[in-house]
Amino acid sequence: MLKFDVSRVLLMKGIGRPGVYLRKLGYTQGKASRLVNGTTASINLYDLERICLRLNCTPNDLLDWSPSDSEDDIANHALQSIRRKEAAVGLVALVQGLPVEKMQAIEKLILENIGEKNAK
C-alpha cells in the first residue's frame, strides 16, 4: 500500500509544527490535518508539486510503500526504493545533545557535501 507521508520530511527538515506549517502554505486545517496524519486518500499533482517545491524534495520522498500482503513483497521491485524501514529523525534532534566540537565537524561535512566553498 502506498501512503503519503509528508510528516517524515517535515520532521527531517526540523519543522516542529507540521499542521501550522501547512496552514501557512494555504491549506485548510482539515486538509493539513489529513496530510500530516497520513489519512488523505489522494493528493492532486498541483499540491504535490507545491509541497515538493517548498520542502526541496521529490514526490518519492513523500511516499512510503509497504506491501499489502507477502506476495507483493518482491525483493528487486522498484517500489522497494520508497519503502521506509526506519523512522525519520530530524537532524536538529539528532545533533542537539552533541558537544560543539562534534557539531562543527558535522557542519563541515554537510557544507562540503552540498558544495559550499567556505566550510569551517
PDB file of N, CA and C in Angstrom:
ATOM      1  N   MET A   1       0.835  -1.169   0.000  1.00  0.00           N
ATOM      2  CA  MET A   1       0.000   0.000   0.000  1.00  0.00           C
ATOM      3  C   MET A   1       0.887   1.242   0.000  1.00  0.00           C
ATOM      4  N   LEU A   2       0.566   2.171  -0.861  1.00  0.00           N
ATOM      5  CA  LEU A   2       1.264   3.448  -0.897  1.00  0.00           C
ATOM      6  C   LEU A   2       0.612   4.404   0.085  1.00  0.00           C
ATOM      7  N   LYS A   3       1.445   5.162   0.775  1.00  0.00           N
ATOM      8  CA  LYS A   3       0.959   6.135   1.745  1.00  0.00           C
ATOM      9  C   LYS A   3       1.700   7.448   1.534  1.00  0.00           C
ATOM     10  N   PHE A   4       0.969   8.537   1.579  1.00  0.00           N
ATOM     11  CA  PHE A   4       1.561   9.868   1.504  1.00  0.00           C
ATOM     12  C   PHE A   4       2.020  10.236   2.906  1.00  0.00           C
ATOM     13  N   ASP A   5       3.319  10.533   3.075  1.00  0.00           N
ATOM     14  CA  ASP A   5       3.889  10.755   4.398  1.00  0.00           C
ATOM     15  C   ASP A   5       4.705  12.045   4.434  1.00  0.00           C
ATOM     16  N   VAL A   6       4.019  13.183   4.453  1.00  0.00           N
ATOM     17  CA  VAL A   6       4.705  14.473   4.496  1.00  0.00           C
ATOM     18  C   VAL A   6       5.335  14.714   5.870  1.00  0.00           C
ATOM     19  N   SER A   7       4.796  14.113   6.906  1.00  0.00           N
ATOM     20  CA  SER A   7       5.318  14.320   8.264  1.00  0.00           C
ATOM     21  C   SER A   7       6.772  13.903   8.379  1.00  0.00           C
ATOM     22  N   ARG A   8       7.160  12.842   7.705  1.00  0.00           N
ATOM     23  CA  ARG A   8       8.536  12.349   7.752  1.00  0.00           C
ATOM     24  C   ARG A   8       9.513  13.420   7.256  1.00  0.00           C
ATOM     25  N   VAL A   9       9.206  14.041   6.124  1.00  0.00           N
ATOM     26  CA  VAL A   9      10.089  15.063   5.555  1.00  0.00           C
ATOM     27  C   VAL A   9      10.075  16.320   6.418  1.00  0.00           C
ATOM     28  N   LEU A  10       8.897  16.690   6.917  1.00  0.00           N
ATOM     29  CA  LEU A  10       8.824  17.865   7.784  1.00  0.00           C
ATOM     30  C   LEU A  10       9.668  17.667   9.037  1.00  0.00           C
ATOM     31  N   LEU A  11       9.625  16.487   9.616  1.00  0.00           N
ATOM     32  CA  LEU A  11      10.441  16.185  10.791  1.00  0.00           C
ATOM     33  C   LEU A  11      11.930  16.273  10.447  1.00  0.00           C
ATOM     34  N   MET A  12      12.310  15.694   9.322  1.00  0.00           N
ATOM     35  CA  MET A  12      13.717  15.740   8.907  1.00  0.00           C
ATOM     36  C   MET A  12      14.184  17.176   8.675  1.00  0.00           C
ATOM     37  N   LYS A  13      13.272  18.039   8.239  1.00  0.00           N
ATOM     38  CA  LYS A  13      13.605  19.445   7.980  1.00  0.00           C
ATOM     39  C   LYS A  13      13.555  20.290   9.251  1.00  0.00           C
ATOM     40  N   GLY A  14      13.183  19.669  10.378  1.00  0.00           N
ATOM     41  CA  GLY A  14      13.149  20.394  11.644  1.00  0.00           C
ATOM     42  C   GLY A  14      11.906  21.236  11.846  1.00  0.00           C
ATOM     43  N   ILE A  15      10.850  20.932  11.105  1.00  0.00           N
ATOM     44  CA  ILE A  15       9.595  21.674  11.231  1.00  0.00           C
ATOM     45  C   ILE A  15       8.775  20.987  12.313  1.00  0.00           C
ATOM     46  N   GLY A  16       8.721  21.616  13.475  1.00  0.00           N
ATOM     47  CA  GLY A  16       8.126  21.000  14.652  1.00  0.00           C
ATOM     48  C   GLY A  16       6.615  21.015  14.688  1.00  0.00           C
ATOM     49  N   ARG A  17       5.987  21.914  13.975  1.00  0.00           N
ATOM     50  CA  ARG A  17       4.525  22.003  13.969  1.00  0.00           C
ATOM     51  C   ARG A  17       4.032  21.889  12.538  1.00  0.00           C
ATOM     52  N   PRO A  18       3.977  20.668  12.013  1.00  0.00           N
ATOM     53  CA  PRO A  18       3.650  20.482  10.597  1.00  0.00           C
ATOM     54  C   PRO A  18       2.284  21.017  10.186  1.00  0.00           C
ATOM     55  N   GLY A  19       1.295  20.897  11.053  1.00  0.00           N
ATOM     56  CA  GLY A  19      -0.028  21.413  10.711  1.00  0.00           C
ATOM     57  C   GLY A  19      -0.018  22.918  10.521  1.00  0.00           C
ATOM     58  N   VAL A  20       0.675  23.606  11.410  1.00  0.00           N
ATOM     59  CA  VAL A  20       0.794  25.070  11.314  1.00  0.00           C
ATOM     60  C   VAL A  20       1.548  25.436  10.042  1.00  0.00           C
ATOM     61  N   TYR A  21       2.617  24.713   9.753  1.00  0.00           N
ATOM     62  CA  TYR A  21       3.407  24.970   8.543  1.00  0.00           C
ATOM     63  C   TYR A  21       2.537  24.846   7.295  1.00  0.00           C
ATOM     64  N   LEU A  22       1.760  23.759   7.201  1.00  0.00           N
ATOM     65  CA  LEU A  22       0.916  23.539   6.031  1.00  0.00           C
ATOM     66  C   LEU A  22      -0.202  24.578   5.951  1.00  0.00           C
ATOM     67  N   ARG A  23      -0.702  25.022   7.084  1.00  0.00           N
ATOM     68  CA  ARG A  23      -1.738  26.070   7.067  1.00  0.00           C
ATOM     69  C   ARG A  23      -1.147  27.381   6.551  1.00  0.00           C
ATOM     70  N   LYS A  24       0.125  27.649   6.880  1.00  0.00           N
ATOM     71  CA  LYS A  24       0.779  28.858   6.357  1.00  0.00           C
ATOM     72  C   LYS A  24       0.965  28.772   4.844  1.00  0.00           C
ATOM     73  N   LEU A  25       1.003  27.548   4.316  1.00  0.00           N
ATOM     74  CA  LEU A  25       1.092  27.369   2.861  1.00  0.00           C
ATOM     75  C   LEU A  25      -0.273  27.534   2.193  1.00  0.00           C
ATOM     76  N   GLY A  26      -1.318  27.690   2.997  1.00  0.00           N
ATOM     77  CA  GLY A  26      -2.640  27.934   2.443  1.00  0.00           C
ATOM     78  C   GLY A  26      -3.610  26.774   2.541  1.00  0.00           C
ATOM     79  N   TYR A  27      -3.222  25.692   3.183  1.00  0.00           N
ATOM     80  CA  TYR A  27      -4.128  24.554   3.327  1.00  0.00           C
ATOM     81  C   TYR A  27      -5.093  24.808   4.473  1.00  0.00           C
ATOM     82  N   THR A  28      -6.317  24.305   4.333  1.00  0.00           N
ATOM     83  CA  THR A  28      -7.283  24.418   5.420  1.00  0.00           C
ATOM     84  C   THR A  28      -6.816  23.544   6.579  1.00  0.00           C
ATOM     85  N   GLN A  29      -7.377  23.784   7.753  1.00  0.00           N
ATOM     86  CA  GLN A  29      -6.997  22.974   8.910  1.00  0.00           C
ATOM     87  C   GLN A  29      -7.312  21.502   8.675  1.00  0.00           C
ATOM     88  N   GLY A  30      -8.461  21.226   8.056  1.00  0.00           N
ATOM     89  CA  GLY A  30      -8.840  19.844   7.786  1.00  0.00           C
ATOM     90  C   GLY A  30      -7.892  19.149   6.836  1.00  0.00           C
ATOM     91  N   LYS A  31      -7.551  19.825   5.746  1.00  0.00           N
ATOM     92  CA  LYS A  31      -6.641  19.212   4.773  1.00  0.00           C
ATOM     93  C   LYS A  31      -5.244  19.059   5.356  1.00  0.00           C
ATOM     94  N   ALA A  32      -4.772  20.075   6.077  1.00  0.00           N
ATOM     95  CA  ALA A  32      -3.453  19.993   6.711  1.00  0.00           C
ATOM     96  C   ALA A  32      -3.416  18.821   7.687  1.00  0.00           C
ATOM     97  N   SER A  33      -4.478  18.654   8.444  1.00  0.00           N
ATOM     98  CA  SER A  33      -4.555  17.557   9.407  1.00  0.00           C
ATOM     99  C   SER A  33      -4.508  16.199   8.702  1.00  0.00           C
ATOM    100  N   ARG A  34      -5.255  16.058   7.610  1.00  0.00           N
ATOM    101  CA  ARG A  34      -5.244  14.790   6.858  1.00  0.00           C
ATOM    102  C   ARG A  34      -3.867  14.516   6.257  1.00  0.00           C
ATOM    103  N   LEU A  35      -3.204  15.553   5.759  1.00  0.00           N
ATOM    104  CA  LEU A  35      -1.868  15.377   5.177  1.00  0.00           C
ATOM    105  C   LEU A  35      -0.865  14.948   6.249  1.00  0.00           C
ATOM    106  N   VAL A  36      -0.920  15.603   7.403  1.00  0.00           N
ATOM    107  CA  VAL A  36       0.021  15.306   8.487  1.00  0.00           C
ATOM    108  C   VAL A  36      -0.227  13.919   9.075  1.00  0.00           C
ATOM    109  N   ASN A  37      -1.486  13.558   9.215  1.00  0.00           N
ATOM    110  CA  ASN A  37      -1.825  12.271   9.828  1.00  0.00           C
ATOM    111  C   ASN A  37      -1.785  11.103   8.861  1.00  0.00           C
ATOM    112  N   GLY A  38      -1.526  11.380   7.596  1.00  0.00           N
ATOM    113  CA  GLY A  38      -1.451  10.308   6.599  1.00  0.00           C
ATOM    114  C   GLY A  38      -2.798   9.694   6.287  1.00  0.00           C
ATOM    115  N   THR A  39      -3.878  10.447   6.495  1.00  0.00           N
ATOM    116  CA  THR A  39      -5.209   9.905   6.233  1.00  0.00           C
ATOM    117  C   THR A  39      -5.820  10.434   4.946  1.00  0.00           C
ATOM    118  N   THR A  40      -5.056  11.176   4.169  1.00  0.00           N
ATOM    119  CA  THR A  40      -5.575  11.678   2.903  1.00  0.00           C
ATOM    120  C   THR A  40      -5.657  10.523   1.908  1.00  0.00           C
ATOM    121  N   ALA A  41      -6.773  10.438   1.216  1.00  0.00           N
ATOM    122  CA  ALA A  41      -6.972   9.355   0.252  1.00  0.00           C
ATOM    123  C   ALA A  41      -6.278   9.657  -1.069  1.00  0.00           C
ATOM    124  N   SER A  42      -6.093  10.942  -1.365  1.00  0.00           N
ATOM    125  CA  SER A  42      -5.443  11.311  -2.620  1.00  0.00           C
ATOM    126  C   SER A  42      -4.858  12.709  -2.473  1.00  0.00           C
ATOM    127  N   ILE A  43      -3.960  13.023  -3.371  1.00  0.00           N
ATOM    128  CA  ILE A  43      -3.392  14.368  -3.416  1.00  0.00           C
ATOM    129  C   ILE A  43      -3.251  14.735  -4.885  1.00  0.00           C
ATOM    130  N   ASN A  44      -3.671  15.940  -5.238  1.00  0.00           N
ATOM    131  CA  ASN A  44      -3.569  16.307  -6.648  1.00  0.00           C
ATOM    132  C   ASN A  44      -2.137  16.729  -6.973  1.00  0.00           C
ATOM    133  N   LEU A  45      -1.812  16.704  -8.243  1.00  0.00           N
ATOM    134  CA  LEU A  45      -0.430  16.972  -8.664  1.00  0.00           C
ATOM    135  C   LEU A  45      -0.001  18.402  -8.365  1.00  0.00           C
ATOM    136  N   TYR A  46      -0.930  19.347  -8.403  1.00  0.00           N
ATOM    137  CA  TYR A  46      -0.599  20.725  -8.064  1.00  0.00           C
ATOM    138  C   TYR A  46      -0.122  20.817  -6.612  1.00  0.00           C
ATOM    139  N   ASP A  47      -0.870  20.203  -5.698  1.00  0.00           N
ATOM    140  CA  ASP A  47      -0.473  20.215  -4.286  1.00  0.00           C
ATOM    141  C   ASP A  47       0.832  19.471  -4.070  1.00  0.00           C
ATOM    142  N   LEU A  48       1.002  18.356  -4.743  1.00  0.00           N
ATOM    143  CA  LEU A  48       2.240  17.581  -4.622  1.00  0.00           C
ATOM    144  C   LEU A  48       3.438  18.417  -5.073  1.00  0.00           C
ATOM    145  N   GLU A  49       3.296  19.084  -6.202  1.00  0.00           N
ATOM    146  CA  GLU A  49       4.386  19.932  -6.694  1.00  0.00           C
ATOM    147  C   GLU A  49       4.661  21.082  -5.732  1.00  0.00           C
ATOM    148  N   ARG A  50       3.611  21.701  -5.226  1.00  0.00           N
ATOM    149  CA  ARG A  50       3.758  22.830  -4.302  1.00  0.00           C
ATOM    150  C   ARG A  50       4.509  22.420  -3.034  1.00  0.00           C
ATOM    151  N   ILE A  51       4.154  21.274  -2.478  1.00  0.00           N
ATOM    152  CA  ILE A  51       4.834  20.784  -1.271  1.00  0.00           C
ATOM    153  C   ILE A  51       6.281  20.441  -1.583  1.00  0.00           C
ATOM    154  N   CYS A  52       6.515  19.782  -2.704  1.00  0.00           N
ATOM    155  CA  CYS A  52       7.893  19.422  -3.086  1.00  0.00           C
ATOM    156  C   CYS A  52       8.764  20.660  -3.286  1.00  0.00           C
ATOM    157  N   LEU A  53       8.221  21.690  -3.917  1.00  0.00           N
ATOM    158  CA  LEU A  53       8.993  22.917  -4.135  1.00  0.00           C
ATOM    159  C   LEU A  53       9.345  23.583  -2.812  1.00  0.00           C
ATOM    160  N   ARG A  54       8.400  23.639  -1.871  1.00  0.00           N
ATOM    161  CA  ARG A  54       8.659  24.269  -0.579  1.00  0.00           C
ATOM    162  C   ARG A  54       9.648  23.487   0.270  1.00  0.00           C
ATOM    163  N   LEU A  55       9.591  22.146   0.172  1.00  0.00           N
ATOM    164  CA  LEU A  55      10.442  21.311   1.023  1.00  0.00           C
ATOM    165  C   LEU A  55      11.726  20.854   0.323  1.00  0.00           C
ATOM    166  N   ASN A  56      11.899  21.268  -0.932  1.00  0.00           N
ATOM    167  CA  ASN A  56      13.069  20.860  -1.713  1.00  0.00           C
ATOM    168  C   ASN A  56      13.228  19.339  -1.691  1.00  0.00           C
ATOM    169  N   CYS A  57      12.167  18.658  -2.121  1.00  0.00           N
ATOM    170  CA  CYS A  57      12.178  17.199  -2.135  1.00  0.00           C
ATOM    171  C   CYS A  57      11.507  16.699  -3.405  1.00  0.00           C
ATOM    172  N   THR A  58      11.471  15.412  -3.589  1.00  0.00           N
ATOM    173  CA  THR A  58      10.798  14.801  -4.733  1.00  0.00           C
ATOM    174  C   THR A  58       9.527  14.102  -4.242  1.00  0.00           C
ATOM    175  N   PRO A  59       8.608  13.790  -5.141  1.00  0.00           N
ATOM    176  CA  PRO A  59       7.429  13.026  -4.734  1.00  0.00           C
ATOM    177  C   PRO A  59       7.798  11.713  -4.041  1.00  0.00           C
ATOM    178  N   ASN A  60       8.855  11.069  -4.482  1.00  0.00           N
ATOM    179  CA  ASN A  60       9.267   9.817  -3.837  1.00  0.00           C
ATOM    180  C   ASN A  60       9.639  10.010  -2.372  1.00  0.00           C
ATOM    181  N   ASP A  61      10.152  11.192  -2.031  1.00  0.00           N
ATOM    182  CA  ASP A  61      10.483  11.469  -0.635  1.00  0.00           C
ATOM    183  C   ASP A  61       9.235  11.517   0.242  1.00  0.00           C
ATOM    184  N   LEU A  62       8.095  11.796  -0.367  1.00  0.00           N
ATOM    185  CA  LEU A  62       6.844  11.947   0.367  1.00  0.00           C
ATOM    186  C   LEU A  62       5.990  10.675   0.372  1.00  0.00           C
ATOM    187  N   LEU A  63       6.446   9.651  -0.313  1.00  0.00           N
ATOM    188  CA  LEU A  63       5.694   8.405  -0.389  1.00  0.00           C
ATOM    189  C   LEU A  63       6.374   7.309   0.413  1.00  0.00           C
ATOM    190  N   ASP A  64       5.549   6.455   0.976  1.00  0.00           N
ATOM    191  CA  ASP A  64       6.029   5.297   1.727  1.00  0.00           C
ATOM    192  C   ASP A  64       5.257   4.084   1.212  1.00  0.00           C
ATOM    193  N   TRP A  65       5.954   3.022   0.918  1.00  0.00           N
ATOM    194  CA  TRP A  65       5.299   1.811   0.437  1.00  0.00           C
ATOM    195  C   TRP A  65       5.530   0.673   1.411  1.00  0.00           C
ATOM    196  N   SER A  66       4.477  -0.031   1.687  1.00  0.00           N
ATOM    197  CA  SER A  66       4.590  -1.279   2.423  1.00  0.00           C
ATOM    198  C   SER A  66       3.687  -2.274   1.706  1.00  0.00           C
ATOM    199  N   PRO A  67       4.176  -3.484   1.499  1.00  0.00           N
ATOM    200  CA  PRO A  67       3.382  -4.459   0.747  1.00  0.00           C
ATOM    201  C   PRO A  67       2.066  -4.779   1.452  1.00  0.00           C
ATOM    202  N   SER A  68       1.014  -4.878   0.664  1.00  0.00           N
ATOM    203  CA  SER A  68      -0.306  -5.200   1.217  1.00  0.00           C
ATOM    204  C   SER A  68      -0.358  -6.630   1.736  1.00  0.00           C
ATOM    205  N   ASP A  69       0.355  -7.513   1.080  1.00  0.00           N
ATOM    206  CA  ASP A  69       0.486  -8.887   1.580  1.00  0.00           C
ATOM    207  C   ASP A  69       1.850  -9.427   1.166  1.00  0.00           C
ATOM    208  N   SER A  70       2.228 -10.552   1.711  1.00  0.00           N
ATOM    209  CA  SER A  70       3.580 -11.087   1.499  1.00  0.00           C
ATOM    210  C   SER A  70       3.872 -11.404   0.035  1.00  0.00           C
ATOM    211  N   GLU A  71       2.855 -11.695  -0.752  1.00  0.00           N
ATOM    212  CA  GLU A  71       3.071 -11.973  -2.183  1.00  0.00           C
ATOM    213  C   GLU A  71       3.537 -10.731  -2.938  1.00  0.00           C
ATOM    214  N   ASP A  72       3.202  -9.548  -2.431  1.00  0.00           N
ATOM    215  CA  ASP A  72       3.600  -8.296  -3.078  1.00  0.00           C
ATOM    216  C   ASP A  72       5.017  -7.865  -2.713  1.00  0.00           C
ATOM    217  N   ASP A  73       5.624  -8.507  -1.732  1.00  0.00           N
ATOM    218  CA  ASP A  73       6.955  -8.130  -1.248  1.00  0.00           C
ATOM    219  C   ASP A  73       8.030  -8.783  -2.111  1.00  0.00           C
ATOM    220  N   ILE A  74       8.235  -8.222  -3.299  1.00  0.00           N
ATOM    221  CA  ILE A  74       9.196  -8.746  -4.267  1.00  0.00           C
ATOM    222  C   ILE A  74      10.522  -8.016  -4.074  1.00  0.00           C
ATOM    223  N   ALA A  75      11.574  -8.764  -3.821  1.00  0.00           N
ATOM    224  CA  ALA A  75      12.867  -8.205  -3.406  1.00  0.00           C
ATOM    225  C   ALA A  75      13.401  -7.109  -4.320  1.00  0.00           C
ATOM    226  N   ASN A  76      13.387  -7.290  -5.612  1.00  0.00           N
ATOM    227  CA  ASN A  76      14.007  -6.323  -6.514  1.00  0.00           C
ATOM    228  C   ASN A  76      13.002  -5.400  -7.194  1.00  0.00           C
ATOM    229  N   HIS A  77      11.792  -5.346  -6.692  1.00  0.00           N
ATOM    230  CA  HIS A  77      10.783  -4.488  -7.306  1.00  0.00           C
ATOM    231  C   HIS A  77      11.133  -3.021  -7.075  1.00  0.00           C
ATOM    232  N   ALA A  78      10.800  -2.172  -8.043  1.00  0.00           N
ATOM    233  CA  ALA A  78      11.120  -0.747  -7.968  1.00  0.00           C
ATOM    234  C   ALA A  78      10.486  -0.060  -6.762  1.00  0.00           C
ATOM    235  N   LEU A  79       9.355  -0.543  -6.294  1.00  0.00           N
ATOM    236  CA  LEU A  79       8.718   0.067  -5.127  1.00  0.00           C
ATOM    237  C   LEU A  79       9.551  -0.066  -3.852  1.00  0.00           C
ATOM    238  N   GLN A  80      10.484  -1.002  -3.836  1.00  0.00           N
ATOM    239  CA  GLN A  80      11.350  -1.154  -2.655  1.00  0.00           C
ATOM    240  C   GLN A  80      12.134   0.131  -2.376  1.00  0.00           C
ATOM    241  N   SER A  81      12.360   0.939  -3.420  1.00  0.00           N
ATOM    242  CA  SER A  81      13.137   2.171  -3.234  1.00  0.00           C
ATOM    243  C   SER A  81      12.406   3.212  -2.381  1.00  0.00           C
ATOM    244  N   ILE A  82      11.086   3.090  -2.240  1.00  0.00           N
ATOM    245  CA  ILE A  82      10.354   4.041  -1.396  1.00  0.00           C
ATOM    246  C   ILE A  82       9.762   3.342  -0.173  1.00  0.00           C
ATOM    247  N   ARG A  83      10.323   2.231   0.167  1.00  0.00           N
ATOM    248  CA  ARG A  83       9.910   1.517   1.380  1.00  0.00           C
ATOM    249  C   ARG A  83      10.736   2.056   2.540  1.00  0.00           C
ATOM    250  N   ARG A  84      10.087   2.665   3.501  1.00  0.00           N
ATOM    251  CA  ARG A  84      10.774   3.266   4.643  1.00  0.00           C
ATOM    252  C   ARG A  84      10.835   2.252   5.768  1.00  0.00           C
ATOM    253  N   LYS A  85      12.018   1.781   6.054  1.00  0.00           N
ATOM    254  CA  LYS A  85      12.177   0.760   7.086  1.00  0.00           C
ATOM    255  C   LYS A  85      12.551   1.356   8.432  1.00  0.00           C
ATOM    256  N   GLU A  86      13.070   2.576   8.426  1.00  0.00           N
ATOM    257  CA  GLU A  86      13.468   3.214   9.675  1.00  0.00           C
ATOM    258  C   GLU A  86      12.655   4.488   9.869  1.00  0.00           C
ATOM    259  N   ALA A  87      12.506   4.858  11.097  1.00  0.00           N
ATOM    260  CA  ALA A  87      11.767   6.083  11.416  1.00  0.00           C
ATOM    261  C   ALA A  87      12.621   7.297  11.069  1.00  0.00           C
ATOM    262  N   ALA A  88      11.968   8.354  10.689  1.00  0.00           N
ATOM    263  CA  ALA A  88      12.674   9.594  10.388  1.00  0.00           C
ATOM    264  C   ALA A  88      13.162  10.233  11.677  1.00  0.00           C
ATOM    265  N   VAL A  89      14.334  10.811  11.611  1.00  0.00           N
ATOM    266  CA  VAL A  89      14.892  11.536  12.749  1.00  0.00           C
ATOM    267  C   VAL A  89      15.298  12.909  12.236  1.00  0.00           C
ATOM    268  N   GLY A  90      14.809  13.932  12.885  1.00  0.00           N
ATOM    269  CA  GLY A  90      15.190  15.275  12.496  1.00  0.00           C
ATOM    270  C   GLY A  90      16.659  15.514  12.801  1.00  0.00           C
ATOM    271  N   LEU A  91      17.349  16.131  11.892  1.00  0.00           N
ATOM    272  CA  LEU A  91      18.778  16.392  12.064  1.00  0.00           C
ATOM    273  C   LEU A  91      19.041  17.210  13.323  1.00  0.00           C
ATOM    274  N   VAL A  92      18.208  18.197  13.574  1.00  0.00           N
ATOM    275  CA  VAL A  92      18.387  19.039  14.762  1.00  0.00           C
ATOM    276  C   VAL A  92      18.323  18.176  16.022  1.00  0.00           C
ATOM    277  N   ALA A  93      17.311  17.318  16.104  1.00  0.00           N
ATOM    278  CA  ALA A  93      17.162  16.461  17.288  1.00  0.00           C
ATOM    279  C   ALA A  93      18.332  15.492  17.416  1.00  0.00           C
ATOM    280  N   LEU A  94      18.851  15.058  16.279  1.00  0.00           N
ATOM    281  CA  LEU A  94      19.946  14.093  16.276  1.00  0.00           C
ATOM    282  C   LEU A  94      21.243  14.693  16.829  1.00  0.00           C
ATOM    283  N   VAL A  95      21.527  15.938  16.500  1.00  0.00           N
ATOM    284  CA  VAL A  95      22.798  16.537  16.899  1.00  0.00           C
ATOM    285  C   VAL A  95      22.687  17.447  18.124  1.00  0.00           C
ATOM    286  N   GLN A  96      21.495  17.703  18.570  1.00  0.00           N
ATOM    287  CA  GLN A  96      21.264  18.672  19.635  1.00  0.00           C
ATOM    288  C   GLN A  96      22.097  18.411  20.893  1.00  0.00           C
ATOM    289  N   GLY A  97      22.248  17.181  21.284  1.00  0.00           N
ATOM    290  CA  GLY A  97      22.964  16.875  22.513  1.00  0.00           C
ATOM    291  C   GLY A  97      24.455  16.660  22.331  1.00  0.00           C
ATOM    292  N   LEU A  98      24.968  16.823  21.130  1.00  0.00           N
ATOM    293  CA  LEU A  98      26.395  16.613  20.875  1.00  0.00           C
ATOM    294  C   LEU A  98      27.227  17.799  21.368  1.00  0.00           C
ATOM    295  N   PRO A  99      28.482  17.545  21.696  1.00  0.00           N
ATOM    296  CA  PRO A  99      29.381  18.660  22.030  1.00  0.00           C
ATOM    297  C   PRO A  99      29.577  19.550  20.797  1.00  0.00           C
ATOM    298  N   VAL A 100      29.859  20.823  21.028  1.00  0.00           N
ATOM    299  CA  VAL A 100      30.015  21.793  19.945  1.00  0.00           C
ATOM    300  C   VAL A 100      31.069  21.334  18.943  1.00  0.00           C
ATOM    301  N   GLU A 101      32.149  20.754  19.418  1.00  0.00           N
ATOM    302  CA  GLU A 101      33.225  20.296  18.530  1.00  0.00           C
ATOM    303  C   GLU A 101      32.694  19.293  17.494  1.00  0.00           C
ATOM    304  N   LYS A 102      31.870  18.350  17.943  1.00  0.00           N
ATOM    305  CA  LYS A 102      31.306  17.365  17.010  1.00  0.00           C
ATOM    306  C   LYS A 102      30.290  18.018  16.076  1.00  0.00           C
ATOM    307  N   MET A 103      29.549  18.991  16.586  1.00  0.00           N
ATOM    308  CA  MET A 103      28.589  19.697  15.742  1.00  0.00           C
ATOM    309  C   MET A 103      29.314  20.463  14.636  1.00  0.00           C
ATOM    310  N   GLN A 104      30.452  21.044  14.967  1.00  0.00           N
ATOM    311  CA  GLN A 104      31.223  21.774  13.966  1.00  0.00           C
ATOM    312  C   GLN A 104      31.764  20.814  12.906  1.00  0.00           C
ATOM    313  N   ALA A 105      32.184  19.631  13.321  1.00  0.00           N
ATOM    314  CA  ALA A 105      32.668  18.634  12.356  1.00  0.00           C
ATOM    315  C   ALA A 105      31.541  18.194  11.424  1.00  0.00           C
ATOM    316  N   ILE A 106      30.349  18.021  11.976  1.00  0.00           N
ATOM    317  CA  ILE A 106      29.196  17.639  11.159  1.00  0.00           C
ATOM    318  C   ILE A 106      28.829  18.778  10.210  1.00  0.00           C
ATOM    319  N   GLU A 107      28.857  20.000  10.713  1.00  0.00           N
ATOM    320  CA  GLU A 107      28.581  21.155   9.870  1.00  0.00           C
ATOM    321  C   GLU A 107      29.552  21.212   8.691  1.00  0.00           C
ATOM    322  N   LYS A 108      30.825  20.967   8.957  1.00  0.00           N
ATOM    323  CA  LYS A 108      31.834  20.985   7.895  1.00  0.00           C
ATOM    324  C   LYS A 108      31.535  19.909   6.850  1.00  0.00           C
ATOM    325  N   LEU A 109      31.186  18.705   7.298  1.00  0.00           N
ATOM    326  CA  LEU A 109      30.840  17.627   6.368  1.00  0.00           C
ATOM    327  C   LEU A 109      29.631  17.991   5.514  1.00  0.00           C
ATOM    328  N   ILE A 110      28.643  18.585   6.138  1.00  0.00           N
ATOM    329  CA  ILE A 110      27.443  18.975   5.394  1.00  0.00           C
ATOM    330  C   ILE A 110      27.784  20.033   4.358  1.00  0.00           C
ATOM    331  N   LEU A 111      28.527  21.048   4.758  1.00  0.00           N
ATOM    332  CA  LEU A 111      28.887  22.112   3.828  1.00  0.00           C
ATOM    333  C   LEU A 111      29.722  21.577   2.664  1.00  0.00           C
ATOM    334  N   GLU A 112      30.628  20.663   2.937  1.00  0.00           N
ATOM    335  CA  GLU A 112      31.424  20.056   1.870  1.00  0.00           C
ATOM    336  C   GLU A 112      30.534  19.242   0.941  1.00  0.00           C
ATOM    337  N   ASN A 113      29.575  18.564   1.513  1.00  0.00           N
ATOM    338  CA  ASN A 113      28.678  17.708   0.724  1.00  0.00           C
ATOM    339  C   ASN A 113      27.752  18.510  -0.187  1.00  0.00           C
ATOM    340  N   ILE A 114      27.332  19.698   0.257  1.00  0.00           N
ATOM    341  CA  ILE A 114      26.427  20.489  -0.570  1.00  0.00           C
ATOM    342  C   ILE A 114      27.176  21.473  -1.469  1.00  0.00           C
ATOM    343  N   GLY A 115      28.497  21.436  -1.434  1.00  0.00           N
ATOM    344  CA  GLY A 115      29.291  22.212  -2.362  1.00  0.00           C
ATOM    345  C   GLY A 115      29.673  23.598  -1.908  1.00  0.00           C
ATOM    346  N   GLU A 116      29.515  23.909  -0.643  1.00  0.00           N
ATOM    347  CA  GLU A 116      29.911  25.208  -0.147  1.00  0.00           C
ATOM    348  C   GLU A 116      31.442  25.297  -0.108  1.00  0.00           C
ATOM    349  N   LYS A 117      31.986  26.413  -0.515  1.00  0.00           N
ATOM    350  CA  LYS A 117      33.439  26.615  -0.541  1.00  0.00           C
ATOM    351  C   LYS A 117      33.976  27.065   0.814  1.00  0.00           C
ATOM    352  N   ASN A 118      33.142  27.645   1.652  1.00  0.00           N
ATOM    353  CA  ASN A 118      33.600  28.246   2.891  1.00  0.00           C
ATOM    354  C   ASN A 118      33.372  27.343   4.084  1.00  0.00           C
ATOM    355  N   ALA A 119      33.660  26.045   3.952  1.00  0.00           N
ATOM    356  CA  ALA A 119      33.489  25.125   5.083  1.00  0.00           C
ATOM    357  C   ALA A 119      34.445  25.546   6.185  1.00  0.00           C
ATOM    358  N   LYS A 120      33.947  25.508   7.405  1.00  0.00           N
ATOM    359  CA  LYS A 120      34.745  25.966   8.545  1.00  0.00           C
ATOM    360  C   LYS A 120      35.730  24.923   8.995  1.00  0.00           C
TER     361      LYS A 120
END
